[in-house]
Each structure stands twice: as structure tokens, then as C-alpha cells.
């Protein structure tokens, strides 16, 4: 991953990003996503525009906002 991070931080996003979207790369992505949504009762689909596998690096603000919104909807209560 080091060369990917180096290229990204140098501004060479074309070299750092193999494909724009995971589901365009693998036709089984949608099947895997559907399986996880069925297995995990509170799972939700989340698409972060302009980000790929390194979404937490490419758009940390968007990831934080998505997580905060999810956690606000699914509060953990003490028993």
C-alpha cells in the first residue's frame, strides 16, 4: 500500500486509484453487499462519492459524518 499512499499524497490520483468504484470492478460486489445487508439486521448501504477502498483517507469528513449519522440512528443502550 505504500506506493498507493505516496502517489495519492503526491497528487497522482490516477496512479493511486485502480478503479473508480468497487462494484464496477467486481460483478459479485452487489451480491456480497446484499448478503451482508441480509445477515446483519442493522447494516445499511453507504456510498461515499469520490472515494474507493481508501475512503477513510480520501474523504475522512464524509466517513465521520456517515458513521455519526448511523450511530445516531442505532444507539447502543446499556442493559
C-alpha atoms as a PDB file:
ATOM      1  CA  UNK A   1       0.000   0.000   0.000  1.00  0.00           C
ATOM      2  CA  UNK A   2       2.940   2.370   0.457  1.00  0.00           C
ATOM      3  CA  UNK A   3       3.209   3.214  -3.268  1.00  0.00           C
ATOM      4  CA  UNK A   4      -0.530   3.903  -3.367  1.00  0.00           C
ATOM      5  CA  UNK A   5      -0.317   6.326  -0.438  1.00  0.00           C
ATOM      6  CA  UNK A   6       2.758   8.011  -1.915  1.00  0.00           C
ATOM      7  CA  UNK A   7       1.051   8.524  -5.276  1.00  0.00           C
ATOM      8  CA  UNK A   8      -2.129   9.792  -3.644  1.00  0.00           C
ATOM      9  CA  UNK A   9      -0.310  12.272  -1.388  1.00  0.00           C
ATOM     10  CA  UNK A  10       1.777  13.426  -4.363  1.00  0.00           C
ATOM     11  CA  UNK A  11      -1.454  14.288  -6.142  1.00  0.00           C
ATOM     12  CA  UNK A  12      -1.227  11.470  -8.694  1.00  0.00           C
ATOM     13  CA  UNK A  13      -4.696  10.080  -8.081  1.00  0.00           C
ATOM     14  CA  UNK A  14      -4.801   8.299 -11.441  1.00  0.00           C
ATOM     15  CA  UNK A  15      -1.843   6.143 -10.405  1.00  0.00           C
ATOM     16  CA  UNK A  16      -3.131   5.666  -6.870  1.00  0.00           C
ATOM     17  CA  UNK A  17      -6.644   4.584  -7.762  1.00  0.00           C
ATOM     18  CA  UNK A  18      -7.019   1.353  -9.715  1.00  0.00           C
ATOM     19  CA  UNK A  19     -10.716   1.726 -10.398  1.00  0.00           C
ATOM     20  CA  UNK A  20     -13.244   4.410  -9.502  1.00  0.00           C
ATOM     21  CA  UNK A  21     -15.832   2.170  -7.887  1.00  0.00           C
ATOM     22  CA  UNK A  22     -15.567  -1.309  -6.410  1.00  0.00           C
ATOM     23  CA  UNK A  23     -18.886  -2.523  -7.736  1.00  0.00           C
ATOM     24  CA  UNK A  24     -17.754  -1.673 -11.268  1.00  0.00           C
ATOM     25  CA  UNK A  25     -14.656  -3.830 -10.788  1.00  0.00           C
ATOM     26  CA  UNK A  26     -16.302  -6.947  -9.425  1.00  0.00           C
ATOM     27  CA  UNK A  27     -19.693  -8.163 -10.621  1.00  0.00           C
ATOM     28  CA  UNK A  28     -20.146 -10.054  -7.351  1.00  0.00           C
ATOM     29  CA  UNK A  29     -19.945  -6.847  -5.281  1.00  0.00           C
ATOM     30  CA  UNK A  30     -23.715  -6.371  -5.351  1.00  0.00           C
ATOM     31  CA  UNK A  31     -24.256  -9.983  -4.284  1.00  0.00           C
ATOM     32  CA  UNK A  32     -21.833  -9.620  -1.362  1.00  0.00           C
ATOM     33  CA  UNK A  33     -23.429  -6.359  -0.294  1.00  0.00           C
ATOM     34  CA  UNK A  34     -26.919  -7.883  -0.403  1.00  0.00           C
ATOM     35  CA  UNK A  35     -25.718 -10.878   1.616  1.00  0.00           C
ATOM     36  CA  UNK A  36     -24.240  -8.636   4.327  1.00  0.00           C
ATOM     37  CA  UNK A  37     -27.371  -6.485   4.452  1.00  0.00           C
ATOM     38  CA  UNK A  38     -29.426  -9.648   4.983  1.00  0.00           C
ATOM     39  CA  UNK A  39     -27.068 -11.147   7.586  1.00  0.00           C
ATOM     40  CA  UNK A  40     -26.618  -8.021   9.695  1.00  0.00           C
ATOM     41  CA  UNK A  41     -30.011  -6.646  10.800  1.00  0.00           C
ATOM     42  CA  UNK A  42     -28.896  -3.041  11.299  1.00  0.00           C
ATOM     43  CA  UNK A  43     -26.488  -2.848   8.373  1.00  0.00           C
ATOM     44  CA  UNK A  44     -27.128  -0.072   5.881  1.00  0.00           C
ATOM     45  CA  UNK A  45     -25.775   0.592   2.426  1.00  0.00           C
ATOM     46  CA  UNK A  46     -23.450   3.600   2.283  1.00  0.00           C
ATOM     47  CA  UNK A  47     -21.869   5.132  -0.800  1.00  0.00           C
ATOM     48  CA  UNK A  48     -19.296   7.861  -0.345  1.00  0.00           C
ATOM     49  CA  UNK A  49     -18.978   9.931  -3.507  1.00  0.00           C
ATOM     50  CA  UNK A  50     -15.487  10.346  -4.861  1.00  0.00           C
ATOM     51  CA  UNK A  51     -13.949   7.592  -2.740  1.00  0.00           C
ATOM     52  CA  UNK A  52     -12.856   3.998  -3.295  1.00  0.00           C
ATOM     53  CA  UNK A  53     -11.342   1.381  -0.967  1.00  0.00           C
ATOM     54  CA  UNK A  54      -9.389   4.067   0.899  1.00  0.00           C
ATOM     55  CA  UNK A  55     -12.483   6.083   1.703  1.00  0.00           C
ATOM     56  CA  UNK A  56     -11.248   6.952   5.206  1.00  0.00           C
ATOM     57  CA  UNK A  57      -8.129   8.508   3.618  1.00  0.00           C
ATOM     58  CA  UNK A  58      -9.814  10.062   0.584  1.00  0.00           C
ATOM     59  CA  UNK A  59     -12.765  11.597   2.439  1.00  0.00           C
ATOM     60  CA  UNK A  60     -12.383  11.341   6.234  1.00  0.00           C
ATOM     61  CA  UNK A  61     -15.022  14.023   6.814  1.00  0.00           C
ATOM     62  CA  UNK A  62     -17.600  12.082   4.789  1.00  0.00           C
ATOM     63  CA  UNK A  63     -16.778   8.851   6.623  1.00  0.00           C
ATOM     64  CA  UNK A  64     -17.103  10.587  10.004  1.00  0.00           C
ATOM     65  CA  UNK A  65     -20.440  12.122   9.036  1.00  0.00           C
ATOM     66  CA  UNK A  66     -21.754   8.779   7.748  1.00  0.00           C
ATOM     67  CA  UNK A  67     -20.692   6.974  10.919  1.00  0.00           C
ATOM     68  CA  UNK A  68     -22.154   9.689  13.149  1.00  0.00           C
ATOM     69  CA  UNK A  69     -25.485   9.513  11.315  1.00  0.00           C
ATOM     70  CA  UNK A  70     -25.547   5.706  11.560  1.00  0.00           C
ATOM     71  CA  UNK A  71     -24.717   5.732  15.273  1.00  0.00           C
ATOM     72  CA  UNK A  72     -27.383   8.371  15.914  1.00  0.00           C
ATOM     73  CA  UNK A  73     -29.970   6.074  14.304  1.00  0.00           C
ATOM     74  CA  UNK A  74     -28.693   2.950  16.099  1.00  0.00           C
ATOM     75  CA  UNK A  75     -27.856   3.986  19.627  1.00  0.00           C
ATOM     76  CA  UNK A  76     -26.201   1.440  21.882  1.00  0.00           C
ATOM     77  CA  UNK A  77     -28.009   1.125  25.170  1.00  0.00           C
ATOM     78  CA  UNK A  78     -26.670  -0.210  28.442  1.00  0.00           C
ATOM     79  CA  UNK A  79     -28.521  -3.240  29.722  1.00  0.00           C
END
